[in-house]
């Protein structure tokens, strides 16, 4: 893993900020092997042996004993077939096993770079950069667009997953404890604004210590996908081939839907330009003003004032 061309890549950022799109577009080149969300609490045991207790699990030197060896095995494409077989409960589980086993086998045979797409790793950037020598790409999306996506999907967030992690609270989130504990369980707009603020404040402070982390705005990639991904490919040492460019343009062209159906929330085929304005009609003026007020301490680091109009 010391060779730059073999360093694993982590694509992270808040969920619903384009991590899947970025991850899959970087995996359009066969130099990489796409592995989805090992820190998802519902991840498959064949992929990662360690159990994950919380959404946005925080990993650091003080709690790495339960995770470091498991992640190293993952990055070496060691698939735990027996553990996976024991966990099978449905045809869907069986199909996922086949998919993941194929990814791991190809990764080992063709000496691919592991590409982890995992929004839930975003608080653990130093650990992935230091302990696992990862190249890191962080996606950021306008806070109003993030809130509108969660509103549309009716996806609340339970902040107890954060405040029940003492190390995460100590290192990053203690100033927000009262806000997390007082927010209503059905207040998706308030939850989204607070979660965005916390995540990207931590990202910004981490970037000051680890400037090699790349932060990419979802909006910039959406406006000019070919140029944006060409630049990212170059920075990561990946070959931007004609096939890669066709895949990227196919995922983002104007022939794709401007909005995905709720049954295809993880699809990456979207009219990327048209999707940029969806939040302006999904959110009321009052909701936009609220998101702006809650996130303003951090949002200005990523977005100018004009982006709110």
Protein backbone atom coordinates (compact mmCIF):
# COMPACT_ATOMS: atom_id res chain seq x y z
CA UNK A 1 0.00 0.00 0.00
CA UNK A 2 3.00 2.34 0.13
CA UNK A 3 3.00 2.75 -3.66
CA UNK A 4 0.93 5.82 -4.53
CA UNK A 5 -0.83 3.88 -7.29
CA UNK A 6 -1.97 1.24 -4.82
CA UNK A 7 -3.09 3.49 -2.00
CA UNK A 8 -6.74 2.88 -1.11
CA UNK A 9 -9.23 5.64 -1.80
CA UNK A 10 -11.97 6.71 0.61
CA UNK A 11 -14.92 8.70 -0.72
CA UNK A 12 -16.91 10.16 2.14
CA UNK A 13 -19.03 13.13 3.22
CA UNK A 14 -22.53 13.41 4.67
CA UNK A 15 -25.03 10.93 3.23
CA UNK A 16 -27.06 12.37 0.30
CA UNK A 17 -24.16 14.57 -0.81
CA UNK A 18 -23.12 12.55 -3.86
CA UNK A 19 -20.77 9.99 -2.32
CA UNK A 20 -22.33 7.17 -4.36
CA UNK A 21 -22.06 9.12 -7.61
CA UNK A 22 -18.45 10.11 -6.98
CA UNK A 23 -17.50 6.63 -5.81
CA UNK A 24 -19.03 4.90 -8.82
CA UNK A 25 -17.58 7.37 -11.28
CA UNK A 26 -14.10 6.81 -9.81
CA UNK A 27 -14.77 3.09 -10.08
CA UNK A 28 -15.52 3.45 -13.80
CA UNK A 29 -11.83 2.70 -14.30
CA UNK A 30 -10.87 -0.97 -13.71
CA UNK A 31 -7.89 0.19 -11.64
CA UNK A 32 -10.27 0.45 -8.68
CA UNK A 33 -12.56 -1.94 -6.80
CA UNK A 34 -15.72 -0.31 -5.44
CA UNK A 35 -16.66 -1.36 -1.89
CA UNK A 36 -19.80 0.20 -0.46
CA UNK A 37 -20.22 1.37 3.13
CA UNK A 38 -18.28 -0.99 5.37
CA UNK A 39 -19.21 1.33 8.30
CA UNK A 40 -22.91 1.01 7.58
CA UNK A 41 -24.43 -0.64 10.66
CA UNK A 42 -26.08 -3.13 8.28
CA UNK A 43 -22.88 -4.02 6.40
CA UNK A 44 -22.28 -7.63 5.37
CA UNK A 45 -19.89 -9.68 7.57
CA UNK A 46 -18.14 -11.08 4.52
CA UNK A 47 -16.92 -7.59 3.72
CA UNK A 48 -15.98 -6.42 7.22
CA UNK A 49 -15.79 -8.72 10.22
CA UNK A 50 -15.96 -5.98 12.84
CA UNK A 51 -19.42 -5.01 14.05
CA UNK A 52 -20.49 -1.39 13.75
CA UNK A 53 -22.71 -0.17 16.55
CA UNK A 54 -23.53 3.39 15.48
CA UNK A 55 -24.25 5.40 12.37
CA UNK A 56 -21.26 7.68 11.76
CA UNK A 57 -19.05 5.48 13.91
CA UNK A 58 -15.97 7.40 15.07
CA UNK A 59 -12.66 5.56 14.74
CA UNK A 60 -9.40 6.78 16.26
CA UNK A 61 -6.27 5.40 17.85
CA UNK A 62 -8.02 4.87 21.16
CA UNK A 63 -10.67 2.46 19.84
CA UNK A 64 -8.98 1.00 16.76
CA UNK A 65 -8.24 -2.42 18.28
CA UNK A 66 -11.61 -3.79 17.18
CA UNK A 67 -11.38 -2.35 13.65
CA UNK A 68 -7.83 -1.98 12.37
CA UNK A 69 -7.19 -5.63 11.50
CA UNK A 70 -10.65 -5.96 9.93
CA UNK A 71 -10.08 -2.96 7.69
CA UNK A 72 -6.62 -4.16 6.72
CA UNK A 73 -8.13 -7.48 5.67
CA UNK A 74 -10.76 -5.62 3.67
CA UNK A 75 -8.12 -3.52 1.89
CA UNK A 76 -6.24 -6.73 1.06
CA UNK A 77 -9.48 -8.09 -0.46
CA UNK A 78 -9.79 -10.91 2.04
CA UNK A 79 -13.43 -11.94 1.84
CA UNK A 80 -14.87 -13.85 4.83
CA UNK A 81 -16.99 -16.36 2.98
CA UNK A 82 -17.88 -18.58 5.94
CA UNK A 83 -19.03 -15.60 8.04
CA UNK A 84 -21.15 -14.44 5.13
CA UNK A 85 -22.73 -17.84 4.50
CA UNK A 86 -23.72 -18.12 8.16
CA UNK A 87 -25.48 -14.74 7.95
CA UNK A 88 -27.57 -15.42 4.85
CA UNK A 89 -31.28 -14.95 5.40
CA UNK A 90 -32.73 -14.20 1.98
CA UNK A 91 -32.18 -14.39 -1.76
CA UNK A 92 -31.13 -10.75 -1.64
CA UNK A 93 -28.39 -11.63 0.87
CA UNK A 94 -27.25 -14.42 -1.44
CA UNK A 95 -27.07 -12.11 -4.45
CA UNK A 96 -25.08 -9.56 -2.44
CA UNK A 97 -22.65 -12.28 -1.43
CA UNK A 98 -22.06 -13.14 -5.07
CA UNK A 99 -21.52 -9.49 -5.94
CA UNK A 100 -19.10 -8.82 -3.08
CA UNK A 101 -17.16 -12.04 -3.57
CA UNK A 102 -16.66 -11.14 -7.23
CA UNK A 103 -15.40 -7.65 -6.28
CA UNK A 104 -12.91 -9.05 -3.79
CA UNK A 105 -11.65 -11.77 -6.15
CA UNK A 106 -11.15 -9.30 -8.98
CA UNK A 107 -9.44 -6.92 -6.60
CA UNK A 108 -6.88 -9.54 -5.62
CA UNK A 109 -6.35 -11.00 -9.08
CA UNK A 110 -5.96 -7.68 -10.89
CA UNK A 111 -4.18 -5.82 -8.06
CA UNK A 112 -6.80 -3.10 -7.96
CA UNK A 113 -6.95 -0.18 -5.54
CA UNK A 114 -9.68 -0.53 -2.95
CA UNK A 115 -12.18 2.30 -3.30
CA UNK A 116 -14.33 2.66 -0.20
CA UNK A 117 -17.51 4.66 -0.61
CA UNK A 118 -18.67 5.39 2.92
CA UNK A 119 -20.38 8.55 4.18
CA UNK A 120 -20.28 7.14 7.71
CA UNK A 121 -16.48 7.45 7.80
CA UNK A 122 -16.54 11.24 7.64
CA UNK A 123 -15.75 11.87 11.32
CA UNK A 124 -12.80 9.44 11.13
CA UNK A 125 -10.72 11.10 8.42
CA UNK A 126 -7.42 11.20 10.39
CA UNK A 127 -7.70 7.50 11.17
CA UNK A 128 -8.26 6.52 7.55
CA UNK A 129 -5.51 8.85 6.37
CA UNK A 130 -2.97 7.79 9.00
CA UNK A 131 -3.78 4.24 10.01
CA UNK A 132 -4.82 3.00 6.57
CA UNK A 133 -2.88 5.37 4.29
CA UNK A 134 -6.00 6.32 2.36
CA UNK A 135 -6.31 8.99 -0.28
CA UNK A 136 -9.45 10.85 0.84
CA UNK A 137 -12.15 12.60 -1.18
CA UNK A 138 -14.88 14.42 0.76
CA UNK A 139 -18.08 15.45 -1.00
CA UNK A 140 -20.00 18.52 0.12
CA UNK A 141 -23.44 19.59 -1.07
CA UNK A 142 -25.26 22.85 -0.44
CA UNK A 143 -26.94 22.59 2.99
CA UNK A 144 -30.36 23.50 1.58
CA UNK A 145 -30.03 20.78 -1.07
CA UNK A 146 -28.99 18.30 1.62
CA UNK A 147 -31.99 19.23 3.78
CA UNK A 148 -34.39 19.05 0.84
CA UNK A 149 -33.18 15.56 -0.07
CA UNK A 150 -33.77 14.27 3.45
CA UNK A 151 -37.17 15.98 3.54
CA UNK A 152 -38.23 14.41 0.26
CA UNK A 153 -37.18 10.94 1.39
CA UNK A 154 -38.58 11.48 4.90
CA UNK A 155 -35.27 10.38 6.42
CA UNK A 156 -34.94 11.52 10.04
CA UNK A 157 -31.66 11.18 11.93
CA UNK A 158 -31.29 9.88 15.48
CA UNK A 159 -28.57 11.97 17.13
CA UNK A 160 -28.22 9.44 19.93
CA UNK A 161 -25.90 7.57 17.54
CA UNK A 162 -23.54 10.51 17.96
CA UNK A 163 -23.90 11.52 21.60
CA UNK A 164 -23.56 7.88 22.70
CA UNK A 165 -19.98 7.89 21.36
CA UNK A 166 -17.87 9.46 24.16
CA UNK A 167 -14.72 9.80 22.04
CA UNK A 168 -16.57 11.54 19.22
CA UNK A 169 -18.23 13.93 21.65
CA UNK A 170 -14.95 14.65 23.41
CA UNK A 171 -12.98 15.27 20.23
CA UNK A 172 -15.55 17.07 18.09
CA UNK A 173 -19.20 17.38 19.02
CA UNK A 174 -19.53 18.32 22.71
CA UNK A 175 -20.46 21.97 21.86
CA UNK A 176 -23.54 20.63 20.06
CA UNK A 177 -24.80 18.23 22.74
CA UNK A 178 -27.73 20.35 23.92
CA UNK A 179 -28.86 21.06 20.37
CA UNK A 180 -28.74 17.37 19.46
CA UNK A 181 -30.66 16.33 22.55
CA UNK A 182 -33.34 19.00 22.24
CA UNK A 183 -34.25 18.62 18.57
CA UNK A 184 -37.58 16.93 17.84
CA UNK A 185 -37.52 13.42 16.38
CA UNK A 186 -39.75 14.45 13.47
CA UNK A 187 -37.94 17.71 12.70
CA UNK A 188 -36.11 16.57 9.58
CA UNK A 189 -35.18 20.08 8.44
CA UNK A 190 -33.68 20.97 11.80
CA UNK A 191 -31.86 17.65 12.00
CA UNK A 192 -30.43 18.06 8.50
CA UNK A 193 -29.17 21.58 9.18
CA UNK A 194 -27.52 20.59 12.46
CA UNK A 195 -25.96 17.41 11.07
CA UNK A 196 -24.58 19.28 8.04
CA UNK A 197 -23.09 21.94 10.32
CA UNK A 198 -21.36 19.44 12.57
CA UNK A 199 -20.01 17.27 9.78
CA UNK A 200 -18.54 20.08 7.71
CA UNK A 201 -17.14 21.95 10.68
CA UNK A 202 -15.20 18.78 11.52
CA UNK A 203 -14.18 18.36 7.87
CA UNK A 204 -12.87 21.93 7.75
CA UNK A 205 -10.86 21.60 10.97
CA UNK A 206 -9.44 18.27 9.79
CA UNK A 207 -8.47 19.79 6.44
CA UNK A 208 -6.36 22.36 8.26
CA UNK A 209 -4.34 19.51 9.78
CA UNK A 210 -4.37 17.19 6.73
CA UNK A 211 -4.36 19.44 3.66
CA UNK A 212 -4.01 16.45 1.31
CA UNK A 213 -7.70 15.69 1.81
CA UNK A 214 -9.67 16.69 -1.29
CA UNK A 215 -13.03 18.40 -0.83
CA UNK A 216 -15.23 18.42 -3.91
CA UNK A 217 -18.50 20.32 -4.19
CA UNK A 218 -21.38 18.32 -5.63
CA UNK A 219 -22.48 21.42 -7.53
CA UNK A 220 -19.14 21.85 -9.31
CA UNK A 221 -19.13 18.26 -10.51
CA UNK A 222 -22.76 18.58 -11.59
CA UNK A 223 -22.12 21.68 -13.70
CA UNK A 224 -19.16 20.21 -15.56
CA UNK A 225 -18.82 16.49 -14.83
CA UNK A 226 -16.17 15.67 -17.44
CA UNK A 227 -13.80 18.44 -16.38
CA UNK A 228 -14.38 17.89 -12.66
CA UNK A 229 -13.77 14.17 -12.78
CA UNK A 230 -10.81 14.52 -15.14
CA UNK A 231 -9.14 16.73 -12.52
CA UNK A 232 -10.01 14.32 -9.70
CA UNK A 233 -8.73 11.34 -11.67
CA UNK A 234 -5.45 13.13 -12.26
CA UNK A 235 -5.01 13.99 -8.60
CA UNK A 236 -5.66 10.39 -7.57
CA UNK A 237 -3.34 8.91 -10.19
CA UNK A 238 -6.14 7.19 -12.11
CA UNK A 239 -6.35 6.95 -15.91
CA UNK A 240 -9.11 9.11 -17.38
CA UNK A 241 -9.86 7.03 -20.47
CA UNK A 242 -12.50 7.63 -23.17
CA UNK A 243 -14.55 4.83 -21.63
CA UNK A 244 -14.44 6.55 -18.25
CA UNK A 245 -15.53 9.84 -19.82
CA UNK A 246 -18.46 8.15 -21.59
CA UNK A 247 -19.58 6.58 -18.31
CA UNK A 248 -19.47 9.94 -16.54
CA UNK A 249 -21.36 11.75 -19.29
CA UNK A 250 -23.95 8.96 -19.47
CA UNK A 251 -24.57 9.30 -15.72
CA UNK A 252 -25.15 13.05 -15.85
CA UNK A 253 -26.55 14.07 -19.24
CA UNK A 254 -29.78 15.97 -19.89
CA UNK A 255 -31.52 12.83 -21.12
CA UNK A 256 -31.59 11.49 -17.58
CA UNK A 257 -34.41 12.35 -15.13
CA UNK A 258 -34.13 15.67 -13.30
CA UNK A 259 -35.25 13.89 -10.13
CA UNK A 260 -35.00 10.27 -9.09
CA UNK A 261 -38.00 8.27 -7.97
CA UNK A 262 -38.06 7.35 -4.29
CA UNK A 263 -37.55 3.73 -5.31
CA UNK A 264 -34.19 4.54 -6.94
CA UNK A 265 -32.57 6.80 -4.37
CA UNK A 266 -29.14 5.25 -4.96
CA UNK A 267 -29.18 5.48 -8.74
CA UNK A 268 -26.42 7.60 -10.28
CA UNK A 269 -28.21 8.38 -13.56
CA UNK A 270 -29.51 11.92 -13.23
CA UNK A 271 -29.62 15.18 -15.16
CA UNK A 272 -26.95 16.70 -12.96
CA UNK A 273 -27.57 20.33 -13.98
CA UNK A 274 -31.34 20.16 -13.57
CA UNK A 275 -30.99 18.55 -10.15
CA UNK A 276 -29.11 21.59 -8.80
CA UNK A 277 -32.25 23.71 -8.44
CA UNK A 278 -34.61 21.13 -6.95
CA UNK A 279 -34.17 22.37 -3.37
CA UNK A 280 -35.61 25.78 -4.25
CA UNK A 281 -39.02 24.27 -4.95
CA UNK A 282 -38.94 21.50 -2.36
CA UNK A 283 -38.28 23.82 0.59
CA UNK A 284 -40.47 26.69 1.69
CA UNK A 285 -38.90 30.16 2.11
CA UNK A 286 -39.16 29.66 5.86
CA UNK A 287 -37.35 26.33 5.69
CA UNK A 288 -34.59 27.80 3.53
CA UNK A 289 -34.16 30.68 5.96
CA UNK A 290 -33.95 28.24 8.87
CA UNK A 291 -31.34 26.04 7.21
CA UNK A 292 -29.33 29.15 6.35
CA UNK A 293 -29.48 30.43 9.92
CA UNK A 294 -28.44 27.12 11.49
CA UNK A 295 -25.61 26.40 9.04
CA UNK A 296 -24.22 29.91 8.53
CA UNK A 297 -21.31 29.38 10.96
CA UNK A 298 -19.90 26.78 8.56
CA UNK A 299 -21.68 27.20 5.21
CA UNK A 300 -19.71 30.30 4.27
CA UNK A 301 -16.54 28.20 4.22
CA UNK A 302 -17.91 26.26 1.25
CA UNK A 303 -20.58 28.43 -0.40
CA UNK A 304 -20.85 32.16 -1.16
CA UNK A 305 -23.89 34.24 -0.15
CA UNK A 306 -25.20 34.22 -3.70
CA UNK A 307 -25.68 30.45 -3.59
CA UNK A 308 -28.76 30.93 -1.39
CA UNK A 309 -30.74 32.86 -4.05
